[in-house]
Amino acid sequence: MLLKAAVAESAAARLTRQSGTNFYYAFRVLPFDKRQAIYAVYSFCRVLDDCVDEESGEGAAGLARWTQELQRCYGGTPETELGRDLTAALSRFPIPRSCFEDIVAGCRMDLEVRRYARFDELRLYCERVASAVGLACIEIFGYSQPQARAYAVELGVALQLTNILRDVATDAARDRLYLPAEDLERFGVSEDQLMKGAARTPAVDALLAFEGARAREQFARAAALLPRPDRRRLASAEIMAAIYRGLLEELARRGYPLAGPRVQLSKARKLWLALGACVRTLLR
């Protein structure tokens, strides 16, 4: 009973549950101390992201305020409840400061960059806002092989590419377009066709299918890098991968919609994918 109460009172745990994140089932399989630490990392990353995505986030000013709190966390003098949760995680796990610095840099890109000319520019963004989170997380999950870091980087890119495909319409409402201009030019698609909800064309369908195939290839690249000795330690990461691959396939099944409700997986399907990933991890 006391253990459950501690989880309920954690600011990080509360924010994670309320977020409805696809990562929730991946976090739940962790031991208590690791689960609390991952809640803290996820929640801190979430508030950084909210600074640039939510009206109440205050943009650059909000990002600067939380960056200062991050510095205090590494100095052991946090001023917020969430900061105290993160400081406790930092005291137990060797999470490099550079992970959070990269995440902050990625959030700043959302304030300053609205379009990406080439995929290598978009990949840098993905590495900052997603791969850096993965690199922080594996320090909590644990690993023995240096290759696990490359796995975390590639998986982070795969997850973010899936998010980008899911959120084309949501991002357009914020005047953001993450699909590279070189891809639009390759398929003969104008920016307005994606940003203004124009009627779908075969060219748009071909572009979105291409972006889906790129994300699928990215998942395969990450899977090939997963170190065999670390499979069980990285079970949570594999659950994340399974759920997001499932989301990507659902997007493909629906034809990569650019309008209507945001595509989501049901709780039952997420649980099924999580269980499947656990079983595969145990059997390998």
Protein backbone atom coordinates (compact mmCIF):
# COMPACT_ATOMS: atom_id res chain seq x y z
CA MET A 1 0.00 0.00 0.00
CA LEU A 2 2.79 2.44 0.88
CA LEU A 3 4.60 1.60 -2.36
CA LYS A 4 1.51 2.36 -4.42
CA ALA A 5 1.00 5.61 -2.57
CA ALA A 6 4.56 6.68 -3.37
CA VAL A 7 3.93 6.15 -7.06
CA ALA A 8 0.66 8.10 -6.89
CA GLU A 9 2.37 11.03 -5.18
CA SER A 10 5.21 11.25 -7.68
CA ALA A 11 4.81 14.27 -9.95
CA ALA A 12 6.62 12.41 -12.72
CA ALA A 13 4.43 9.31 -12.41
CA ARG A 14 1.30 11.45 -12.41
CA LEU A 15 2.35 13.36 -15.54
CA THR A 16 3.26 10.14 -17.33
CA ARG A 17 -0.10 8.52 -16.62
CA GLN A 18 -2.03 11.62 -17.61
CA SER A 19 -0.13 12.00 -20.88
CA GLY A 20 -1.55 8.84 -22.43
CA THR A 21 1.87 8.11 -23.88
CA ASN A 22 2.43 5.05 -26.04
CA PHE A 23 5.46 4.39 -23.82
CA TYR A 24 3.38 3.67 -20.71
CA TYR A 25 3.27 -0.11 -21.18
CA ALA A 26 7.01 -0.17 -21.82
CA PHE A 27 7.58 1.60 -18.52
CA ARG A 28 5.31 -0.68 -16.52
CA VAL A 29 7.53 -3.75 -16.96
CA LEU A 30 10.45 -2.07 -15.19
CA PRO A 31 11.37 -2.63 -11.53
CA PHE A 32 10.11 0.11 -9.19
CA ASP A 33 13.33 2.15 -8.98
CA LYS A 34 13.86 2.13 -12.73
CA ARG A 35 10.20 2.87 -13.36
CA GLN A 36 10.31 5.95 -11.14
CA ALA A 37 13.48 7.15 -12.88
CA ILE A 38 12.02 6.65 -16.35
CA TYR A 39 8.87 8.50 -15.32
CA ALA A 40 11.07 11.42 -14.25
CA VAL A 41 13.05 11.49 -17.51
CA TYR A 42 9.94 11.15 -19.67
CA SER A 43 8.02 13.82 -17.75
CA PHE A 44 10.89 16.28 -17.83
CA CYS A 45 11.25 15.77 -21.57
CA ARG A 46 7.50 16.21 -21.91
CA VAL A 47 7.48 19.60 -20.17
CA LEU A 48 10.35 20.74 -22.39
CA ASP A 49 8.36 19.71 -25.44
CA ASP A 50 5.21 21.39 -24.10
CA CYS A 51 7.13 24.66 -23.87
CA VAL A 52 7.21 24.84 -27.66
CA ASP A 53 4.01 22.95 -28.53
CA GLU A 54 1.44 24.25 -26.04
CA GLU A 55 0.13 27.79 -25.71
CA SER A 56 0.70 27.65 -21.96
CA GLY A 57 4.33 26.59 -22.46
CA GLU A 58 5.60 30.18 -22.92
CA GLY A 59 7.86 29.28 -25.82
CA ALA A 60 11.48 30.32 -25.44
CA ALA A 61 10.88 31.76 -21.98
CA GLY A 62 9.40 28.50 -20.71
CA LEU A 63 12.21 26.52 -22.29
CA ALA A 64 14.78 28.79 -20.63
CA ARG A 65 13.10 28.39 -17.24
CA TRP A 66 13.09 24.60 -17.40
CA THR A 67 16.65 24.58 -18.73
CA GLN A 68 17.67 26.45 -15.60
CA GLU A 69 15.85 23.87 -13.50
CA LEU A 70 17.73 21.15 -15.38
CA GLN A 71 21.01 22.78 -14.40
CA ARG A 72 19.86 22.85 -10.79
CA CYS A 73 18.94 19.15 -11.01
CA TYR A 74 22.48 18.26 -12.03
CA GLY A 75 23.73 20.48 -9.22
CA GLY A 76 21.47 18.75 -6.70
CA THR A 77 19.39 21.86 -5.93
CA PRO A 78 16.07 21.52 -7.81
CA GLU A 79 13.23 23.94 -7.03
CA THR A 80 10.24 22.05 -8.44
CA GLU A 81 8.59 18.76 -7.58
CA LEU A 82 9.36 17.39 -11.03
CA GLY A 83 12.94 18.61 -10.69
CA ARG A 84 13.27 16.70 -7.43
CA ASP A 85 12.04 13.55 -9.17
CA LEU A 86 14.62 14.01 -11.91
CA THR A 87 17.39 14.74 -9.40
CA ALA A 88 16.60 11.46 -7.65
CA ALA A 89 16.89 9.65 -11.00
CA LEU A 90 20.21 11.35 -11.75
CA SER A 91 21.55 10.24 -8.39
CA ARG A 92 20.90 6.58 -9.27
CA PHE A 93 21.62 6.39 -12.99
CA PRO A 94 24.48 7.88 -15.08
CA ILE A 95 22.37 9.92 -17.51
CA PRO A 96 24.68 12.27 -19.44
CA ARG A 97 23.80 15.95 -19.29
CA SER A 98 24.37 16.00 -23.06
CA CYS A 99 21.15 14.01 -23.58
CA PHE A 100 19.05 16.80 -22.11
CA GLU A 101 21.13 19.48 -23.84
CA ASP A 102 20.35 17.83 -27.17
CA ILE A 103 16.64 17.63 -26.30
CA VAL A 104 16.60 21.33 -25.46
CA ALA A 105 18.38 22.07 -28.76
CA GLY A 106 15.72 20.05 -30.58
CA CYS A 107 12.94 21.96 -28.85
CA ARG A 108 14.59 25.22 -29.89
CA MET A 109 14.50 23.96 -33.47
CA ASP A 110 10.71 23.75 -33.15
CA LEU A 111 10.70 27.44 -32.27
CA GLU A 112 13.06 28.49 -35.04
CA VAL A 113 12.67 25.99 -37.91
CA ARG A 114 9.35 25.48 -39.70
CA ARG A 115 10.55 23.58 -42.77
CA TYR A 116 13.30 21.07 -43.60
CA ALA A 117 14.98 21.08 -46.99
CA ARG A 118 16.69 17.68 -46.78
CA PHE A 119 16.36 14.46 -44.84
CA ASP A 120 19.75 14.87 -43.17
CA GLU A 121 18.45 18.09 -41.59
CA LEU A 122 15.31 16.30 -40.42
CA ARG A 123 17.39 13.42 -39.07
CA LEU A 124 19.36 15.84 -36.90
CA TYR A 125 16.08 17.08 -35.46
CA CYS A 126 14.92 13.49 -34.82
CA GLU A 127 18.18 12.64 -33.10
CA ARG A 128 17.84 15.63 -30.80
CA VAL A 129 14.20 15.24 -29.78
CA ALA A 130 13.96 11.43 -29.83
CA SER A 131 17.31 9.64 -30.01
CA ALA A 132 18.63 11.74 -27.13
CA VAL A 133 15.68 10.55 -25.04
CA GLY A 134 16.55 6.97 -25.96
CA LEU A 135 20.17 7.48 -24.94
CA ALA A 136 18.98 8.76 -21.56
CA CYS A 137 16.57 5.84 -21.16
CA ILE A 138 19.08 3.07 -21.84
CA GLU A 139 21.18 4.33 -18.95
CA ILE A 140 18.18 3.42 -16.79
CA PHE A 141 17.31 0.18 -18.61
CA GLY A 142 20.94 -0.96 -18.42
CA TYR A 143 23.17 -2.43 -21.12
CA SER A 144 26.54 -4.11 -21.46
CA GLN A 145 27.35 -3.58 -25.14
CA PRO A 146 28.35 -0.15 -26.54
CA GLN A 147 26.29 -1.01 -29.64
CA ALA A 148 23.18 -0.42 -27.52
CA ARG A 149 23.76 3.30 -27.94
CA ALA A 150 23.63 3.02 -31.73
CA TYR A 151 20.44 0.98 -31.34
CA ALA A 152 18.91 3.74 -29.20
CA VAL A 153 19.82 6.40 -31.76
CA GLU A 154 18.31 4.53 -34.71
CA LEU A 155 15.19 3.51 -32.79
CA GLY A 156 14.65 7.11 -31.70
CA VAL A 157 14.72 8.25 -35.34
CA ALA A 158 12.20 5.52 -36.24
CA LEU A 159 9.82 6.59 -33.46
CA GLN A 160 10.02 10.25 -34.44
CA LEU A 161 9.46 9.55 -38.14
CA THR A 162 6.31 7.67 -37.14
CA ASN A 163 5.18 10.62 -35.03
CA ILE A 164 5.78 12.96 -37.96
CA LEU A 165 3.66 10.83 -40.29
CA ARG A 166 0.86 10.63 -37.74
CA ASP A 167 0.87 14.37 -37.01
CA VAL A 168 1.10 16.02 -40.43
CA ALA A 169 -2.25 17.80 -39.93
CA THR A 170 -1.54 18.73 -36.30
CA ASP A 171 1.83 20.17 -37.26
CA ALA A 172 0.32 22.03 -40.22
CA ALA A 173 -2.00 23.83 -37.78
CA ARG A 174 1.19 25.13 -36.09
CA ASP A 175 2.66 26.09 -39.49
CA ARG A 176 5.19 23.27 -39.30
CA LEU A 177 6.02 20.81 -42.04
CA TYR A 178 8.54 18.11 -41.21
CA LEU A 179 8.46 16.17 -44.48
CA PRO A 180 11.62 17.25 -46.35
CA ALA A 181 11.18 19.65 -49.27
CA GLU A 182 13.39 17.41 -51.39
CA ASP A 183 10.81 14.62 -50.99
CA LEU A 184 7.92 16.88 -51.97
CA GLU A 185 9.85 17.94 -55.06
CA ARG A 186 10.65 14.32 -55.94
CA PHE A 187 6.97 13.36 -55.96
CA GLY A 188 5.64 16.61 -57.41
CA VAL A 189 3.69 17.58 -54.29
CA SER A 190 3.21 21.23 -53.31
CA GLU A 191 3.42 22.39 -49.73
CA ASP A 192 -0.18 23.61 -49.87
CA GLN A 193 -1.40 20.09 -50.64
CA LEU A 194 -0.17 19.02 -47.20
CA MET A 195 -0.67 22.21 -45.24
CA LYS A 196 -4.17 23.23 -46.35
CA GLY A 197 -6.01 19.92 -46.38
CA ALA A 198 -6.44 19.87 -50.15
CA ALA A 199 -7.93 16.86 -51.89
CA ARG A 200 -5.69 13.79 -51.93
CA THR A 201 -3.89 12.98 -55.15
CA PRO A 202 -1.89 9.95 -56.30
CA ALA A 203 1.26 12.05 -55.90
CA VAL A 204 0.46 12.76 -52.23
CA ASP A 205 -0.32 9.08 -51.66
CA ALA A 206 3.03 8.12 -53.21
CA LEU A 207 4.89 10.65 -51.05
CA LEU A 208 3.31 9.41 -47.82
CA ALA A 209 3.93 5.78 -48.77
CA PHE A 210 7.59 6.68 -49.36
CA GLU A 211 7.84 8.30 -45.94
CA GLY A 212 6.19 5.25 -44.39
CA ALA A 213 8.70 2.95 -46.08
CA ARG A 214 11.54 5.11 -44.77
CA ALA A 215 10.21 4.78 -41.21
CA ARG A 216 9.78 1.02 -41.67
CA GLU A 217 13.38 0.72 -42.88
CA GLN A 218 14.50 2.74 -39.86
CA PHE A 219 12.82 0.26 -37.50
CA ALA A 220 14.62 -2.57 -39.32
CA ARG A 221 17.94 -0.74 -38.98
CA ALA A 222 17.42 -0.36 -35.24
CA ALA A 223 16.40 -4.02 -34.83
CA ALA A 224 19.59 -5.14 -36.58
CA LEU A 225 21.65 -3.18 -34.04
CA LEU A 226 19.99 -4.57 -30.91
CA PRO A 227 22.81 -6.38 -29.05
CA ARG A 228 21.85 -9.96 -28.27
CA PRO A 229 23.39 -9.93 -24.76
CA ASP A 230 21.25 -6.88 -23.89
CA ARG A 231 17.88 -8.03 -25.26
CA ARG A 232 16.32 -8.59 -21.85
CA ARG A 233 17.73 -5.41 -20.37
CA LEU A 234 16.29 -3.48 -23.31
CA ALA A 235 12.88 -5.16 -23.24
CA SER A 236 11.20 -1.81 -22.54
CA ALA A 237 12.77 -0.33 -25.65
CA GLU A 238 11.56 -3.30 -27.68
CA ILE A 239 8.03 -2.75 -26.36
CA MET A 240 8.25 0.88 -27.50
CA ALA A 241 9.40 -0.32 -30.92
CA ALA A 242 6.58 -2.87 -31.19
CA ILE A 243 3.87 -0.36 -30.30
CA TYR A 244 5.19 2.27 -32.68
CA ARG A 245 5.60 -0.25 -35.49
CA GLY A 246 1.99 -1.17 -34.86
CA LEU A 247 1.04 2.52 -35.09
CA LEU A 248 2.97 2.86 -38.34
CA GLU A 249 1.17 -0.13 -39.84
CA GLU A 250 -2.18 1.29 -38.71
CA LEU A 251 -1.32 4.56 -40.44
CA ALA A 252 -0.46 2.61 -43.60
CA ARG A 253 -3.67 0.59 -43.37
CA ARG A 254 -5.68 3.81 -43.24
CA GLY A 255 -3.72 5.33 -46.11
CA TYR A 256 -1.76 7.83 -43.98
CA PRO A 257 -4.72 10.16 -43.28
CA LEU A 258 -4.16 13.91 -43.36
CA ALA A 259 -7.48 14.80 -41.75
CA GLY A 260 -9.85 13.50 -39.12
CA PRO A 261 -9.12 12.22 -35.63
CA ARG A 262 -5.53 11.49 -34.70
CA VAL A 263 -4.72 7.85 -35.38
CA GLN A 264 -4.25 5.92 -32.15
CA LEU A 265 -4.04 2.29 -31.12
CA SER A 266 -6.52 0.94 -28.60
CA LYS A 267 -5.30 0.08 -25.12
CA ALA A 268 -6.01 -3.58 -25.84
CA ARG A 269 -3.89 -3.54 -28.98
CA LYS A 270 -1.04 -1.75 -27.23
CA LEU A 271 -1.15 -4.31 -24.45
CA TRP A 272 -1.14 -7.15 -26.98
CA LEU A 273 1.87 -5.67 -28.79
CA ALA A 274 3.66 -5.16 -25.47
CA LEU A 275 3.03 -8.76 -24.42
CA GLY A 276 4.25 -10.02 -27.79
CA ALA A 277 7.46 -8.00 -27.48
CA CYS A 278 8.03 -9.38 -23.97
CA VAL A 279 7.57 -12.96 -25.14
CA ARG A 280 9.94 -12.50 -28.08
CA THR A 281 12.53 -10.96 -25.77
CA LEU A 282 12.31 -13.88 -23.34
CA LEU A 283 12.50 -16.54 -26.05
CA ARG A 284 15.50 -15.15 -27.90
